């Protein structure tokens, strides 16, 4: 079996300047999602009690 290797330095579809923006968008999106879940659970707790 022959394996085809690709040089990982050959990024044809992305630029390295977008890495920080991608990390910040991911962090912000996850923070917002978890904040919504948190407040949803707090509202459910108050409705149940």
PDB file of N, CA and C in Angstrom:
ATOM      1  N   UNK A   1       0.852  -1.180   0.000  1.00  0.00           N
ATOM      2  CA  UNK A   1       0.000   0.000   0.000  1.00  0.00           C
ATOM      3  C   UNK A   1       0.891   1.234   0.000  1.00  0.00           C
ATOM      4  N   UNK A   2       0.565   2.172  -0.841  1.00  0.00           N
ATOM      5  CA  UNK A   2       1.366   3.382  -0.966  1.00  0.00           C
ATOM      6  C   UNK A   2       0.609   4.562  -0.366  1.00  0.00           C
ATOM      7  N   UNK A   3       1.249   5.272   0.540  1.00  0.00           N
ATOM      8  CA  UNK A   3       0.619   6.420   1.189  1.00  0.00           C
ATOM      9  C   UNK A   3       1.080   7.699   0.502  1.00  0.00           C
ATOM     10  N   UNK A   4       0.139   8.593   0.294  1.00  0.00           N
ATOM     11  CA  UNK A   4       0.461   9.878  -0.319  1.00  0.00           C
ATOM     12  C   UNK A   4       0.608  10.917   0.787  1.00  0.00           C
ATOM     13  N   UNK A   5       1.776  11.500   0.887  1.00  0.00           N
ATOM     14  CA  UNK A   5       2.013  12.504   1.918  1.00  0.00           C
ATOM     15  C   UNK A   5       1.956  13.897   1.302  1.00  0.00           C
ATOM     16  N   UNK A   6       1.492  14.836   2.098  1.00  0.00           N
ATOM     17  CA  UNK A   6       1.371  16.221   1.663  1.00  0.00           C
ATOM     18  C   UNK A   6       2.133  17.087   2.658  1.00  0.00           C
ATOM     19  N   UNK A   7       2.866  18.037   2.133  1.00  0.00           N
ATOM     20  CA  UNK A   7       3.610  18.950   2.987  1.00  0.00           C
ATOM     21  C   UNK A   7       2.622  19.827   3.756  1.00  0.00           C
ATOM     22  N   UNK A   8       2.626  19.789   5.098  1.00  0.00           N
ATOM     23  CA  UNK A   8       1.644  20.580   5.866  1.00  0.00           C
ATOM     24  C   UNK A   8       1.855  22.085   5.747  1.00  0.00           C
ATOM     25  N   UNK A   9       3.004  22.515   5.213  1.00  0.00           N
ATOM     26  CA  UNK A   9       3.229  23.951   5.043  1.00  0.00           C
ATOM     27  C   UNK A   9       2.504  24.502   3.833  1.00  0.00           C
ATOM     28  N   UNK A  10       1.953  23.639   2.991  1.00  0.00           N
ATOM     29  CA  UNK A  10       1.252  24.078   1.793  1.00  0.00           C
ATOM     30  C   UNK A  10      -0.219  24.323   2.117  1.00  0.00           C
ATOM     31  N   UNK A  11      -0.525  25.502   2.592  1.00  0.00           N
ATOM     32  CA  UNK A  11      -1.904  25.862   2.887  1.00  0.00           C
ATOM     33  C   UNK A  11      -2.453  26.604   1.675  1.00  0.00           C
ATOM     34  N   UNK A  12      -3.197  25.910   0.854  1.00  0.00           N
ATOM     35  CA  UNK A  12      -3.688  26.542  -0.367  1.00  0.00           C
ATOM     36  C   UNK A  12      -5.028  27.234  -0.148  1.00  0.00           C
ATOM     37  N   UNK A  13      -5.771  26.867   0.873  1.00  0.00           N
ATOM     38  CA  UNK A  13      -7.126  27.389   1.058  1.00  0.00           C
ATOM     39  C   UNK A  13      -7.262  28.353   2.228  1.00  0.00           C
ATOM     40  N   UNK A  14      -6.218  28.557   2.987  1.00  0.00           N
ATOM     41  CA  UNK A  14      -6.338  29.453   4.130  1.00  0.00           C
ATOM     42  C   UNK A  14      -5.065  30.265   4.287  1.00  0.00           C
ATOM     43  N   UNK A  15      -5.217  31.415   4.903  1.00  0.00           N
ATOM     44  CA  UNK A  15      -4.060  32.263   5.166  1.00  0.00           C
ATOM     45  C   UNK A  15      -3.757  32.236   6.654  1.00  0.00           C
ATOM     46  N   UNK A  16      -2.502  32.306   7.045  1.00  0.00           N
ATOM     47  CA  UNK A  16      -2.175  32.244   8.476  1.00  0.00           C
ATOM     48  C   UNK A  16      -2.641  33.471   9.255  1.00  0.00           C
ATOM     49  N   UNK A  17      -3.013  34.555   8.573  1.00  0.00           N
ATOM     50  CA  UNK A  17      -3.464  35.736   9.306  1.00  0.00           C
ATOM     51  C   UNK A  17      -4.866  35.550   9.863  1.00  0.00           C
ATOM     52  N   UNK A  18      -5.604  34.546   9.411  1.00  0.00           N
ATOM     53  CA  UNK A  18      -6.965  34.324   9.893  1.00  0.00           C
ATOM     54  C   UNK A  18      -7.020  33.448  11.141  1.00  0.00           C
ATOM     55  N   UNK A  19      -5.880  32.930  11.592  1.00  0.00           N
ATOM     56  CA  UNK A  19      -5.886  32.004  12.716  1.00  0.00           C
ATOM     57  C   UNK A  19      -6.382  32.661  13.996  1.00  0.00           C
ATOM     58  N   UNK A  20      -5.898  33.854  14.309  1.00  0.00           N
ATOM     59  CA  UNK A  20      -6.333  34.528  15.538  1.00  0.00           C
ATOM     60  C   UNK A  20      -7.820  34.854  15.461  1.00  0.00           C
ATOM     61  N   UNK A  21      -8.279  35.308  14.310  1.00  0.00           N
ATOM     62  CA  UNK A  21      -9.698  35.625  14.154  1.00  0.00           C
ATOM     63  C   UNK A  21     -10.552  34.358  14.319  1.00  0.00           C
ATOM     64  N   UNK A  22     -10.079  33.234  13.793  1.00  0.00           N
ATOM     65  CA  UNK A  22     -10.818  31.984  13.941  1.00  0.00           C
ATOM     66  C   UNK A  22     -10.907  31.565  15.404  1.00  0.00           C
ATOM     67  N   UNK A  23      -9.810  31.696  16.128  1.00  0.00           N
ATOM     68  CA  UNK A  23      -9.809  31.326  17.551  1.00  0.00           C
ATOM     69  C   UNK A  23     -10.738  32.238  18.338  1.00  0.00           C
ATOM     70  N   UNK A  24     -10.688  33.538  18.058  1.00  0.00           N
ATOM     71  CA  UNK A  24     -11.540  34.475  18.783  1.00  0.00           C
ATOM     72  C   UNK A  24     -13.016  34.247  18.461  1.00  0.00           C
ATOM     73  N   UNK A  25     -13.334  33.960  17.196  1.00  0.00           N
ATOM     74  CA  UNK A  25     -14.725  33.673  16.836  1.00  0.00           C
ATOM     75  C   UNK A  25     -15.207  32.400  17.512  1.00  0.00           C
ATOM     76  N   UNK A  26     -14.372  31.383  17.548  1.00  0.00           N
ATOM     77  CA  UNK A  26     -14.752  30.138  18.214  1.00  0.00           C
ATOM     78  C   UNK A  26     -14.946  30.325  19.704  1.00  0.00           C
ATOM     79  N   UNK A  27     -14.042  31.059  20.329  1.00  0.00           N
ATOM     80  CA  UNK A  27     -14.157  31.301  21.766  1.00  0.00           C
ATOM     81  C   UNK A  27     -15.398  32.119  22.079  1.00  0.00           C
ATOM     82  N   UNK A  28     -15.622  33.173  21.293  1.00  0.00           N
ATOM     83  CA  UNK A  28     -16.789  34.027  21.524  1.00  0.00           C
ATOM     84  C   UNK A  28     -18.092  33.299  21.273  1.00  0.00           C
ATOM     85  N   UNK A  29     -18.120  32.482  20.231  1.00  0.00           N
ATOM     86  CA  UNK A  29     -19.332  31.713  19.945  1.00  0.00           C
ATOM     87  C   UNK A  29     -19.650  30.712  21.047  1.00  0.00           C
ATOM     88  N   UNK A  30     -18.614  30.015  21.521  1.00  0.00           N
ATOM     89  CA  UNK A  30     -18.834  29.036  22.590  1.00  0.00           C
ATOM     90  C   UNK A  30     -19.230  29.732  23.888  1.00  0.00           C
ATOM     91  N   UNK A  31     -18.616  30.879  24.178  1.00  0.00           N
ATOM     92  CA  UNK A  31     -18.976  31.634  25.382  1.00  0.00           C
ATOM     93  C   UNK A  31     -20.437  32.081  25.318  1.00  0.00           C
ATOM     94  N   UNK A  32     -20.860  32.590  24.163  1.00  0.00           N
ATOM     95  CA  UNK A  32     -22.256  33.001  24.008  1.00  0.00           C
ATOM     96  C   UNK A  32     -23.225  31.836  24.143  1.00  0.00           C
ATOM     97  N   UNK A  33     -22.877  30.705  23.537  1.00  0.00           N
ATOM     98  CA  UNK A  33     -23.729  29.513  23.626  1.00  0.00           C
ATOM     99  C   UNK A  33     -23.857  29.025  25.070  1.00  0.00           C
ATOM    100  N   UNK A  34     -22.740  28.971  25.795  1.00  0.00           N
ATOM    101  CA  UNK A  34     -22.788  28.516  27.186  1.00  0.00           C
ATOM    102  C   UNK A  34     -23.523  29.524  28.077  1.00  0.00           C
ATOM    103  N   UNK A  35     -23.429  30.811  27.755  1.00  0.00           N
ATOM    104  CA  UNK A  35     -24.171  31.818  28.520  1.00  0.00           C
ATOM    105  C   UNK A  35     -25.671  31.636  28.330  1.00  0.00           C
ATOM    106  N   UNK A  36     -26.082  31.372  27.089  1.00  0.00           N
ATOM    107  CA  UNK A  36     -27.513  31.110  26.843  1.00  0.00           C
ATOM    108  C   UNK A  36     -27.990  29.872  27.584  1.00  0.00           C
ATOM    109  N   UNK A  37     -27.191  28.814  27.579  1.00  0.00           N
ATOM    110  CA  UNK A  37     -27.563  27.597  28.308  1.00  0.00           C
ATOM    111  C   UNK A  37     -27.665  27.879  29.802  1.00  0.00           C
ATOM    112  N   UNK A  38     -26.705  28.653  30.337  1.00  0.00           N
ATOM    113  CA  UNK A  38     -26.715  28.969  31.761  1.00  0.00           C
ATOM    114  C   UNK A  38     -27.988  29.712  32.155  1.00  0.00           C
ATOM    115  N   UNK A  39     -28.307  30.787  31.412  1.00  0.00           N
ATOM    116  CA  UNK A  39     -29.496  31.556  31.772  1.00  0.00           C
ATOM    117  C   UNK A  39     -30.771  30.759  31.520  1.00  0.00           C
ATOM    118  N   UNK A  40     -30.763  29.901  30.509  1.00  0.00           N
ATOM    119  CA  UNK A  40     -31.912  29.025  30.290  1.00  0.00           C
ATOM    120  C   UNK A  40     -32.136  28.091  31.464  1.00  0.00           C
ATOM    121  N   UNK A  41     -31.058  27.512  31.989  1.00  0.00           N
ATOM    122  CA  UNK A  41     -31.179  26.619  33.139  1.00  0.00           C
ATOM    123  C   UNK A  41     -31.619  27.369  34.398  1.00  0.00           C
ATOM    124  N   UNK A  42     -31.142  28.605  34.562  1.00  0.00           N
ATOM    125  CA  UNK A  42     -31.579  29.412  35.716  1.00  0.00           C
ATOM    126  C   UNK A  42     -33.072  29.699  35.617  1.00  0.00           C
ATOM    127  N   UNK A  43     -33.567  30.043  34.436  1.00  0.00           N
ATOM    128  CA  UNK A  43     -34.990  30.311  34.256  1.00  0.00           C
ATOM    129  C   UNK A  43     -35.810  29.044  34.505  1.00  0.00           C
ATOM    130  N   UNK A  44     -35.325  27.912  34.003  1.00  0.00           N
ATOM    131  CA  UNK A  44     -36.036  26.638  34.229  1.00  0.00           C
ATOM    132  C   UNK A  44     -36.076  26.315  35.716  1.00  0.00           C
ATOM    133  N   UNK A  45     -34.974  26.566  36.438  1.00  0.00           N
ATOM    134  CA  UNK A  45     -34.931  26.303  37.881  1.00  0.00           C
ATOM    135  C   UNK A  45     -35.966  27.145  38.615  1.00  0.00           C
ATOM    136  N   UNK A  46     -36.070  28.420  38.255  1.00  0.00           N
ATOM    137  CA  UNK A  46     -37.040  29.277  38.939  1.00  0.00           C
ATOM    138  C   UNK A  46     -38.483  28.905  38.582  1.00  0.00           C
ATOM    139  N   UNK A  47     -38.712  28.427  37.360  1.00  0.00           N
ATOM    140  CA  UNK A  47     -40.058  27.991  36.992  1.00  0.00           C
ATOM    141  C   UNK A  47     -40.450  26.714  37.741  1.00  0.00           C
ATOM    142  N   UNK A  48     -39.493  25.801  37.900  1.00  0.00           N
ATOM    143  CA  UNK A  48     -39.772  24.532  38.568  1.00  0.00           C
ATOM    144  C   UNK A  48     -39.992  24.701  40.076  1.00  0.00           C
ATOM    145  N   UNK A  49     -39.388  25.710  40.689  1.00  0.00           N
ATOM    146  CA  UNK A  49     -39.520  25.853  42.147  1.00  0.00           C
ATOM    147  C   UNK A  49     -40.646  26.789  42.529  1.00  0.00           C
TER     148      UNK A  49
END
